[in-house]
Each structure stands twice: as C-alpha cells, then as structure tokens.
Amino acid sequence: MLKLQRWLSRNQLFEQVVCKKAGHVDHAFGSHPFSSGVGIPGQKFTHTVPKNENDRVYAAYNVYKGKAGVSMFPCLPTFTKLESGSLVIDRRGSILLTFFPAIGERKYDWTKKQFFSLSPTEVGTLINLGPRDSCEFFHDPGMLSSTAGQVRKSLTIKAHADGNGYFISLNVVDNTKSTKEFLSVPFTAGEFSVMKTACSFALPHILGWDRLTKPSLGMEKGFQPNKVNREGLSLEWKR
C-alpha cells in the first residue's frame, strides 16, 4: 500500500508539471522541469483518447541535455483539392527539429529556439545511419528568392567514437543580424534508436501516402500546423 501511495504521488506530480491537459503533452515556451530524458523510467501514465478523430494531438519527442535540448515533431503535408475532386500536395511534409539552449540547470531558453526541417529524403538518410556513420545537411531558407544566402543552416549528425551514440548539432549563420548560433545535443544509442524508429513510422505520413489508404482522412478540417510549427516551417519551407 505504501509503495502504491508513493507511485500515485509521483504520478500526480508528473501530470501537474507535464500533462496539463488530458491527452496533450505540455510544450510550454519556458523552462522545462527535466534536464534529460523523455519521461520517468518504470512509470505508466493514463491518457485520454480524443473524442473526435479530427482532434489535433501534439506529441513531440524531446531530449533535454546539459547545454541544449531538441524537440522532434512530424508536420504533415498540406493538400489542394482540384475541381475534379483529386488531391495534390501543396506543401510537402517534414520532420521539424526545434533546438533550444540551456540557461541553467534544468532550464531552457525557448526565445532563442532554432528550427531545422528534415525533408523525406533527409529523413531517409537519418534512418539509414549506422552506429559509426555521420551525415550533414545544408539549408538556405531563402533559396531561389531575393533573400538567398542571408541565412545558412547546417545540421550535423556525428557518431560517437565508440559507436554508442551521436552528437546532433545545428549551426545557424544569420547575416541579416550578424549572428552565429551553435547548438549541440548528445544522443545515447537508445535515444537515437527512438528517433530513427519514430522517423520510420512518420515517413509514409509526411509523404502523404496515408491518404492513399484513407482518402477522407482529415478532409473535414484539413491539416493546419500548430502555432509553433507554423513559425518553424515558415523559416524552412523553400517553396
């Protein structure tokens, strides 16, 4: 009985801090109470399934470390409906990575967040990485426009020397503000495995292929990225 009471107490504390709304993971733009990890080992938490299948669900995968953290969230493609009734992709889907620096123990500054949006091909490259492989992606948010070259971003995924994890680092050079930002987050082998598995699951959805088996999915409301994703994607979409 005493063990059960202690478990319930910890569970209630977690829900008060993280699960502020039933069925939603809190992602407030402020200090996060945890310095690393995605949850509390050994704990099980109940959740409320949305009553309507069109209700939006926000479930990011977050990794918090001593100097910075990163949040990963899938952004579905948007579609345009033709007069014939067919759907064509208007904007491609992606995996949005949001990096944020640490400003103290278990505290992160979301006002200095930086975004990097992985295309389906880049997601495939990430999934294909072996324990000693590395890769690098380069983005110019203003490519093919008058702002080309003003902001340059590079994302590096580098394996640890012992093959037991990775460093995921984002470098942003903003010539309009004469600033350079560098954020690096170490991933354990387990954390990176979760990332790869989640990307594998999300890949058909960001391609829009889930609509092939469920053509009416979400058509009543369409997909609208939340406020956080709109800001990030507006800095990443190239068309």
C-alpha atoms as a PDB file:
ATOM      1  CA  MET A   1       0.000   0.000   0.000  1.00  0.00           C
ATOM      2  CA  LEU A   2       2.833   2.401   0.870  1.00  0.00           C
ATOM      3  CA  LYS A   3       4.542   1.721  -2.475  1.00  0.00           C
ATOM      4  CA  LEU A   4       1.242   2.353  -4.289  1.00  0.00           C
ATOM      5  CA  GLN A   5       0.760   5.683  -2.486  1.00  0.00           C
ATOM      6  CA  ARG A   6       4.299   6.763  -3.389  1.00  0.00           C
ATOM      7  CA  TRP A   7       3.714   5.795  -7.046  1.00  0.00           C
ATOM      8  CA  LEU A   8       0.450   7.727  -7.156  1.00  0.00           C
ATOM      9  CA  SER A   9       2.137  10.759  -5.613  1.00  0.00           C
ATOM     10  CA  ARG A  10       4.896  10.740  -8.241  1.00  0.00           C
ATOM     11  CA  ASN A  11       2.343  10.163 -10.987  1.00  0.00           C
ATOM     12  CA  GLN A  12       0.219  13.119  -9.873  1.00  0.00           C
ATOM     13  CA  LEU A  13       3.292  15.360  -9.657  1.00  0.00           C
ATOM     14  CA  PHE A  14       4.304  14.401 -13.188  1.00  0.00           C
ATOM     15  CA  GLU A  15       0.814  15.108 -14.523  1.00  0.00           C
ATOM     16  CA  GLN A  16       0.729  18.510 -12.806  1.00  0.00           C
ATOM     17  CA  VAL A  17       4.059  19.524 -14.346  1.00  0.00           C
ATOM     18  CA  VAL A  18       3.928  17.911 -17.783  1.00  0.00           C
ATOM     19  CA  CYS A  19       0.412  16.756 -18.623  1.00  0.00           C
ATOM     20  CA  LYS A  20      -1.505  19.975 -18.032  1.00  0.00           C
ATOM     21  CA  LYS A  21      -4.215  18.928 -20.467  1.00  0.00           C
ATOM     22  CA  ALA A  22      -5.613  15.430 -20.851  1.00  0.00           C
ATOM     23  CA  GLY A  23      -4.310  13.819 -24.000  1.00  0.00           C
ATOM     24  CA  HIS A  24      -1.702  16.524 -24.615  1.00  0.00           C
ATOM     25  CA  VAL A  25       1.969  16.767 -23.787  1.00  0.00           C
ATOM     26  CA  ASP A  26       2.864  20.159 -22.362  1.00  0.00           C
ATOM     27  CA  HIS A  27       5.272  22.050 -24.586  1.00  0.00           C
ATOM     28  CA  ALA A  28       5.248  25.476 -22.967  1.00  0.00           C
ATOM     29  CA  PHE A  29       7.728  28.097 -24.115  1.00  0.00           C
ATOM     30  CA  GLY A  30       9.501  28.326 -20.834  1.00  0.00           C
ATOM     31  CA  SER A  31      11.748  26.399 -18.507  1.00  0.00           C
ATOM     32  CA  HIS A  32      11.219  22.655 -18.602  1.00  0.00           C
ATOM     33  CA  PRO A  33      11.461  20.806 -15.312  1.00  0.00           C
ATOM     34  CA  PHE A  34      13.638  17.972 -16.622  1.00  0.00           C
ATOM     35  CA  SER A  35      17.260  18.154 -17.751  1.00  0.00           C
ATOM     36  CA  SER A  36      17.288  14.980 -19.807  1.00  0.00           C
ATOM     37  CA  GLY A  37      15.190  12.022 -20.818  1.00  0.00           C
ATOM     38  CA  VAL A  38      11.673  11.712 -22.128  1.00  0.00           C
ATOM     39  CA  GLY A  39       9.848  10.562 -19.033  1.00  0.00           C
ATOM     40  CA  ILE A  40      10.279   8.765 -15.760  1.00  0.00           C
ATOM     41  CA  PRO A  41      11.577   5.162 -16.080  1.00  0.00           C
ATOM     42  CA  GLY A  42       9.237   2.491 -14.828  1.00  0.00           C
ATOM     43  CA  GLN A  43       6.187   4.759 -14.711  1.00  0.00           C
ATOM     44  CA  LYS A  44       2.913   4.237 -16.544  1.00  0.00           C
ATOM     45  CA  PHE A  45       0.549   7.115 -17.208  1.00  0.00           C
ATOM     46  CA  THR A  46      -3.056   7.157 -18.328  1.00  0.00           C
ATOM     47  CA  HIS A  47      -4.232   9.448 -21.078  1.00  0.00           C
ATOM     48  CA  THR A  48      -7.495  10.476 -22.660  1.00  0.00           C
ATOM     49  CA  VAL A  49      -8.086   9.470 -26.262  1.00  0.00           C
ATOM     50  CA  PRO A  50      -9.506  12.369 -28.319  1.00  0.00           C
ATOM     51  CA  LYS A  51     -13.257  12.001 -28.786  1.00  0.00           C
ATOM     52  CA  ASN A  52     -13.084  13.133 -32.409  1.00  0.00           C
ATOM     53  CA  GLU A  53     -10.584  11.555 -34.805  1.00  0.00           C
ATOM     54  CA  ASN A  54     -10.031  15.038 -36.270  1.00  0.00           C
ATOM     55  CA  ASP A  55      -8.904  16.487 -32.925  1.00  0.00           C
ATOM     56  CA  ARG A  56      -5.282  17.546 -33.090  1.00  0.00           C
ATOM     57  CA  VAL A  57      -2.753  15.669 -31.000  1.00  0.00           C
ATOM     58  CA  TYR A  58       0.616  17.183 -30.133  1.00  0.00           C
ATOM     59  CA  ALA A  59       3.163  14.555 -29.180  1.00  0.00           C
ATOM     60  CA  ALA A  60       6.737  15.685 -29.686  1.00  0.00           C
ATOM     61  CA  TYR A  61       9.790  13.593 -28.857  1.00  0.00           C
ATOM     62  CA  ASN A  62      12.032  15.696 -26.607  1.00  0.00           C
ATOM     63  CA  VAL A  63      15.620  15.181 -25.489  1.00  0.00           C
ATOM     64  CA  TYR A  64      16.984  17.504 -22.808  1.00  0.00           C
ATOM     65  CA  LYS A  65      20.700  17.686 -22.042  1.00  0.00           C
ATOM     66  CA  GLY A  66      23.035  19.951 -20.083  1.00  0.00           C
ATOM     67  CA  LYS A  67      23.854  22.555 -22.750  1.00  0.00           C
ATOM     68  CA  ALA A  68      20.827  22.314 -25.057  1.00  0.00           C
ATOM     69  CA  GLY A  69      17.758  20.300 -25.952  1.00  0.00           C
ATOM     70  CA  VAL A  70      15.882  19.319 -29.084  1.00  0.00           C
ATOM     71  CA  SER A  71      12.250  18.588 -29.869  1.00  0.00           C
ATOM     72  CA  MET A  72      11.135  16.492 -32.845  1.00  0.00           C
ATOM     73  CA  PHE A  73       7.646  16.749 -34.341  1.00  0.00           C
ATOM     74  CA  PRO A  74       6.161  15.437 -37.622  1.00  0.00           C
ATOM     75  CA  CYS A  75       4.488  18.005 -39.878  1.00  0.00           C
ATOM     76  CA  LEU A  76       2.057  16.523 -42.375  1.00  0.00           C
ATOM     77  CA  PRO A  77       1.814  17.794 -45.939  1.00  0.00           C
ATOM     78  CA  THR A  78      -0.953  20.161 -46.962  1.00  0.00           C
ATOM     79  CA  PHE A  79      -3.146  19.396 -49.954  1.00  0.00           C
ATOM     80  CA  THR A  80      -5.075  21.321 -52.572  1.00  0.00           C
ATOM     81  CA  LYS A  81      -8.327  19.907 -53.903  1.00  0.00           C
ATOM     82  CA  LEU A  82      -8.767  20.150 -57.660  1.00  0.00           C
ATOM     83  CA  GLU A  83     -12.071  20.696 -59.445  1.00  0.00           C
ATOM     84  CA  SER A  84     -12.041  17.008 -60.313  1.00  0.00           C
ATOM     85  CA  GLY A  85     -12.022  16.226 -56.613  1.00  0.00           C
ATOM     86  CA  SER A  86      -8.473  14.876 -56.640  1.00  0.00           C
ATOM     87  CA  LEU A  87      -5.912  15.967 -54.081  1.00  0.00           C
ATOM     88  CA  VAL A  88      -2.426  17.218 -54.907  1.00  0.00           C
ATOM     89  CA  ILE A  89       0.291  18.125 -52.430  1.00  0.00           C
ATOM     90  CA  ASP A  90       0.544  21.854 -51.838  1.00  0.00           C
ATOM     91  CA  ARG A  91       3.393  21.722 -49.317  1.00  0.00           C
ATOM     92  CA  ARG A  92       5.485  18.702 -48.560  1.00  0.00           C
ATOM     93  CA  GLY A  93       5.610  17.193 -45.118  1.00  0.00           C
ATOM     94  CA  SER A  94       8.698  17.124 -42.936  1.00  0.00           C
ATOM     95  CA  ILE A  95      10.138  16.324 -39.529  1.00  0.00           C
ATOM     96  CA  LEU A  96      10.620  19.603 -37.674  1.00  0.00           C
ATOM     97  CA  LEU A  97      13.535  19.781 -35.248  1.00  0.00           C
ATOM     98  CA  THR A  98      13.477  22.600 -32.690  1.00  0.00           C
ATOM     99  CA  PHE A  99      16.715  23.292 -30.823  1.00  0.00           C
ATOM    100  CA  PHE A 100      16.851  25.414 -27.659  1.00  0.00           C
ATOM    101  CA  PRO A 101      19.820  26.393 -25.459  1.00  0.00           C
ATOM    102  CA  ALA A 102      20.125  25.727 -21.745  1.00  0.00           C
ATOM    103  CA  ILE A 103      20.339  28.747 -19.447  1.00  0.00           C
ATOM    104  CA  GLY A 104      20.857  26.879 -16.204  1.00  0.00           C
ATOM    105  CA  GLU A 105      20.264  23.568 -14.522  1.00  0.00           C
ATOM    106  CA  ARG A 106      17.047  22.096 -15.922  1.00  0.00           C
ATOM    107  CA  LYS A 107      16.166  25.418 -17.586  1.00  0.00           C
ATOM    108  CA  TYR A 108      15.955  26.199 -21.302  1.00  0.00           C
ATOM    109  CA  ASP A 109      15.508  29.429 -23.238  1.00  0.00           C
ATOM    110  CA  TRP A 110      12.750  28.925 -25.813  1.00  0.00           C
ATOM    111  CA  THR A 111      13.045  32.534 -27.018  1.00  0.00           C
ATOM    112  CA  LYS A 112      16.321  31.526 -28.678  1.00  0.00           C
ATOM    113  CA  LYS A 113      14.977  28.407 -30.354  1.00  0.00           C
ATOM    114  CA  GLN A 114      16.245  27.443 -33.812  1.00  0.00           C
ATOM    115  CA  PHE A 115      14.484  25.291 -36.400  1.00  0.00           C
ATOM    116  CA  PHE A 116      15.607  22.725 -38.935  1.00  0.00           C
ATOM    117  CA  SER A 117      13.095  20.868 -41.085  1.00  0.00           C
ATOM    118  CA  LEU A 118      14.080  17.445 -42.443  1.00  0.00           C
ATOM    119  CA  SER A 119      12.707  16.549 -45.870  1.00  0.00           C
ATOM    120  CA  PRO A 120      11.606  12.953 -46.579  1.00  0.00           C
ATOM    121  CA  THR A 121      14.925  12.235 -48.303  1.00  0.00           C
ATOM    122  CA  GLU A 122      16.876  13.648 -45.360  1.00  0.00           C
ATOM    123  CA  VAL A 123      14.733  11.557 -43.015  1.00  0.00           C
ATOM    124  CA  GLY A 124      15.684   8.503 -45.074  1.00  0.00           C
ATOM    125  CA  THR A 125      19.373   9.377 -44.711  1.00  0.00           C
ATOM    126  CA  LEU A 126      18.956   9.640 -40.931  1.00  0.00           C
ATOM    127  CA  ILE A 127      17.155   6.296 -40.742  1.00  0.00           C
ATOM    128  CA  ASN A 128      19.936   4.633 -42.745  1.00  0.00           C
ATOM    129  CA  LEU A 129      22.755   5.754 -40.419  1.00  0.00           C
ATOM    130  CA  GLY A 130      24.809   3.009 -38.824  1.00  0.00           C
ATOM    131  CA  PRO A 131      26.406   3.184 -35.356  1.00  0.00           C
ATOM    132  CA  ARG A 132      29.596   4.771 -36.759  1.00  0.00           C
ATOM    133  CA  ASP A 133      28.110   6.784 -39.648  1.00  0.00           C
ATOM    134  CA  SER A 134      27.767  10.554 -39.910  1.00  0.00           C
ATOM    135  CA  CYS A 135      25.972  12.962 -42.222  1.00  0.00           C
ATOM    136  CA  GLU A 136      25.414  16.676 -42.759  1.00  0.00           C
ATOM    137  CA  PHE A 137      22.539  18.666 -44.276  1.00  0.00           C
ATOM    138  CA  PHE A 138      22.648  22.244 -45.555  1.00  0.00           C
ATOM    139  CA  HIS A 139      19.628  24.565 -45.812  1.00  0.00           C
ATOM    140  CA  ASP A 140      19.147  28.057 -47.190  1.00  0.00           C
ATOM    141  CA  PRO A 141      15.603  29.163 -46.222  1.00  0.00           C
ATOM    142  CA  GLY A 142      15.753  31.937 -48.828  1.00  0.00           C
ATOM    143  CA  MET A 143      16.901  29.730 -51.688  1.00  0.00           C
ATOM    144  CA  LEU A 144      15.563  30.763 -55.123  1.00  0.00           C
ATOM    145  CA  SER A 145      14.448  34.140 -53.740  1.00  0.00           C
ATOM    146  CA  SER A 146      15.893  37.598 -53.183  1.00  0.00           C
ATOM    147  CA  THR A 147      16.907  36.585 -49.642  1.00  0.00           C
ATOM    148  CA  ALA A 148      19.105  33.692 -50.769  1.00  0.00           C
ATOM    149  CA  GLY A 149      22.282  33.417 -48.735  1.00  0.00           C
ATOM    150  CA  GLN A 150      21.134  35.667 -45.915  1.00  0.00           C
ATOM    151  CA  VAL A 151      20.581  32.744 -43.550  1.00  0.00           C
ATOM    152  CA  ARG A 152      22.516  29.488 -43.761  1.00  0.00           C
ATOM    153  CA  LYS A 153      21.851  26.414 -41.674  1.00  0.00           C
ATOM    154  CA  SER A 154      23.735  23.151 -41.334  1.00  0.00           C
ATOM    155  CA  LEU A 155      22.711  20.099 -39.340  1.00  0.00           C
ATOM    156  CA  THR A 156      25.404  17.574 -38.475  1.00  0.00           C
ATOM    157  CA  ILE A 157      24.796  14.089 -37.120  1.00  0.00           C
ATOM    158  CA  LYS A 158      28.098  12.624 -35.966  1.00  0.00           C
ATOM    159  CA  ALA A 159      28.583   9.241 -34.358  1.00  0.00           C
ATOM    160  CA  HIS A 160      30.475   8.926 -31.090  1.00  0.00           C
ATOM    161  CA  ALA A 161      33.940   7.418 -31.441  1.00  0.00           C
ATOM    162  CA  ASP A 162      32.849   4.314 -29.503  1.00  0.00           C
ATOM    163  CA  GLY A 163      29.761   3.882 -31.693  1.00  0.00           C
ATOM    164  CA  ASN A 164      27.438   4.230 -28.699  1.00  0.00           C
ATOM    165  CA  GLY A 165      25.510   7.360 -29.632  1.00  0.00           C
ATOM    166  CA  TYR A 166      25.585  10.552 -31.684  1.00  0.00           C
ATOM    167  CA  PHE A 167      26.023  14.295 -31.486  1.00  0.00           C
ATOM    168  CA  ILE A 168      23.287  16.216 -33.330  1.00  0.00           C
ATOM    169  CA  SER A 169      24.457  19.773 -33.910  1.00  0.00           C
ATOM    170  CA  LEU A 170      22.828  22.782 -35.553  1.00  0.00           C
ATOM    171  CA  ASN A 171      24.816  25.733 -36.865  1.00  0.00           C
ATOM    172  CA  VAL A 172      22.912  28.866 -37.967  1.00  0.00           C
ATOM    173  CA  VAL A 173      24.581  31.880 -39.604  1.00  0.00           C
ATOM    174  CA  ASP A 174      22.250  34.875 -39.942  1.00  0.00           C
ATOM    175  CA  ASN A 175      23.942  37.616 -41.977  1.00  0.00           C
ATOM    176  CA  THR A 176      20.962  39.952 -41.527  1.00  0.00           C
ATOM    177  CA  LYS A 177      21.644  40.054 -37.782  1.00  0.00           C
ATOM    178  CA  SER A 178      25.378  39.298 -37.912  1.00  0.00           C
ATOM    179  CA  THR A 179      24.833  36.357 -35.565  1.00  0.00           C
ATOM    180  CA  LYS A 180      26.070  32.794 -35.351  1.00  0.00           C
ATOM    181  CA  GLU A 181      24.316  30.150 -33.275  1.00  0.00           C
ATOM    182  CA  PHE A 182      25.632  26.694 -32.489  1.00  0.00           C
ATOM    183  CA  LEU A 183      23.584  24.135 -30.546  1.00  0.00           C
ATOM    184  CA  SER A 184      24.668  20.553 -29.962  1.00  0.00           C
ATOM    185  CA  VAL A 185      22.775  17.745 -28.237  1.00  0.00           C
ATOM    186  CA  PRO A 186      24.359  14.367 -27.410  1.00  0.00           C
ATOM    187  CA  PHE A 187      22.103  11.363 -28.045  1.00  0.00           C
ATOM    188  CA  THR A 188      22.558   7.986 -26.437  1.00  0.00           C
ATOM    189  CA  ALA A 189      22.190   4.940 -28.661  1.00  0.00           C
ATOM    190  CA  GLY A 190      18.750   4.352 -27.143  1.00  0.00           C
ATOM    191  CA  GLU A 191      17.553   7.926 -27.736  1.00  0.00           C
ATOM    192  CA  PHE A 192      18.755   7.831 -31.323  1.00  0.00           C
ATOM    193  CA  SER A 193      17.036   4.482 -31.837  1.00  0.00           C
ATOM    194  CA  VAL A 194      13.758   6.059 -30.711  1.00  0.00           C
ATOM    195  CA  MET A 195      14.362   8.931 -33.131  1.00  0.00           C
ATOM    196  CA  LYS A 196      15.015   6.567 -36.065  1.00  0.00           C
ATOM    197  CA  THR A 197      12.001   4.391 -35.253  1.00  0.00           C
ATOM    198  CA  ALA A 198       9.718   7.424 -34.936  1.00  0.00           C
ATOM    199  CA  CYS A 199      11.003   8.777 -38.259  1.00  0.00           C
ATOM    200  CA  SER A 200      10.391   5.394 -39.926  1.00  0.00           C
ATOM    201  CA  PHE A 201       6.804   5.433 -38.669  1.00  0.00           C
ATOM    202  CA  ALA A 202       6.224   9.044 -39.735  1.00  0.00           C
ATOM    203  CA  LEU A 203       7.813   8.804 -43.199  1.00  0.00           C
ATOM    204  CA  PRO A 204       4.760   7.485 -45.128  1.00  0.00           C
ATOM    205  CA  HIS A 205       2.618  10.149 -43.433  1.00  0.00           C
ATOM    206  CA  ILE A 206       4.860  13.110 -44.319  1.00  0.00           C
ATOM    207  CA  LEU A 207       4.875  11.769 -47.891  1.00  0.00           C
ATOM    208  CA  GLY A 208       1.083  11.870 -47.794  1.00  0.00           C
ATOM    209  CA  TRP A 209       0.774   8.179 -48.577  1.00  0.00           C
ATOM    210  CA  ASP A 210      -1.617   7.600 -45.682  1.00  0.00           C
ATOM    211  CA  ARG A 211      -4.191   9.383 -47.854  1.00  0.00           C
ATOM    212  CA  LEU A 212      -3.936   6.519 -50.363  1.00  0.00           C
ATOM    213  CA  THR A 213      -5.479   4.121 -47.858  1.00  0.00           C
ATOM    214  CA  LYS A 214      -7.668   6.709 -46.085  1.00  0.00           C
ATOM    215  CA  PRO A 215      -8.561   9.334 -48.725  1.00  0.00           C
ATOM    216  CA  SER A 216     -11.026  11.157 -46.445  1.00  0.00           C
ATOM    217  CA  LEU A 217      -8.617  11.396 -43.522  1.00  0.00           C
ATOM    218  CA  GLY A 218      -8.811  14.866 -42.038  1.00  0.00           C
ATOM    219  CA  MET A 219     -10.609  16.423 -45.031  1.00  0.00           C
ATOM    220  CA  GLU A 220     -13.322  17.897 -42.840  1.00  0.00           C
ATOM    221  CA  LYS A 221     -10.829  20.280 -41.235  1.00  0.00           C
ATOM    222  CA  GLY A 222      -7.633  19.710 -43.200  1.00  0.00           C
ATOM    223  CA  PHE A 223      -4.246  19.749 -41.522  1.00  0.00           C
ATOM    224  CA  GLN A 224      -3.176  23.029 -40.016  1.00  0.00           C
ATOM    225  CA  PRO A 225       0.178  23.092 -38.227  1.00  0.00           C
ATOM    226  CA  ASN A 226       0.031  24.467 -34.699  1.00  0.00           C
ATOM    227  CA  LYS A 227       1.441  27.887 -33.898  1.00  0.00           C
ATOM    228  CA  VAL A 228       4.884  26.529 -33.058  1.00  0.00           C
ATOM    229  CA  ASN A 229       5.151  24.526 -36.269  1.00  0.00           C
ATOM    230  CA  ARG A 230       3.932  27.378 -38.480  1.00  0.00           C
ATOM    231  CA  GLU A 231       6.727  29.584 -37.187  1.00  0.00           C
ATOM    232  CA  GLY A 232       9.360  26.929 -37.707  1.00  0.00           C
ATOM    233  CA  LEU A 233       8.159  25.800 -41.111  1.00  0.00           C
ATOM    234  CA  SER A 234       7.889  29.360 -42.405  1.00  0.00           C
ATOM    235  CA  LEU A 235      11.642  29.596 -41.872  1.00  0.00           C
ATOM    236  CA  GLU A 236      12.318  26.273 -43.564  1.00  0.00           C
ATOM    237  CA  TRP A 237       9.941  25.808 -46.486  1.00  0.00           C
ATOM    238  CA  LYS A 238      11.633  26.614 -49.748  1.00  0.00           C
ATOM    239  CA  ARG A 239       8.543  26.843 -51.870  1.00  0.00           C
END
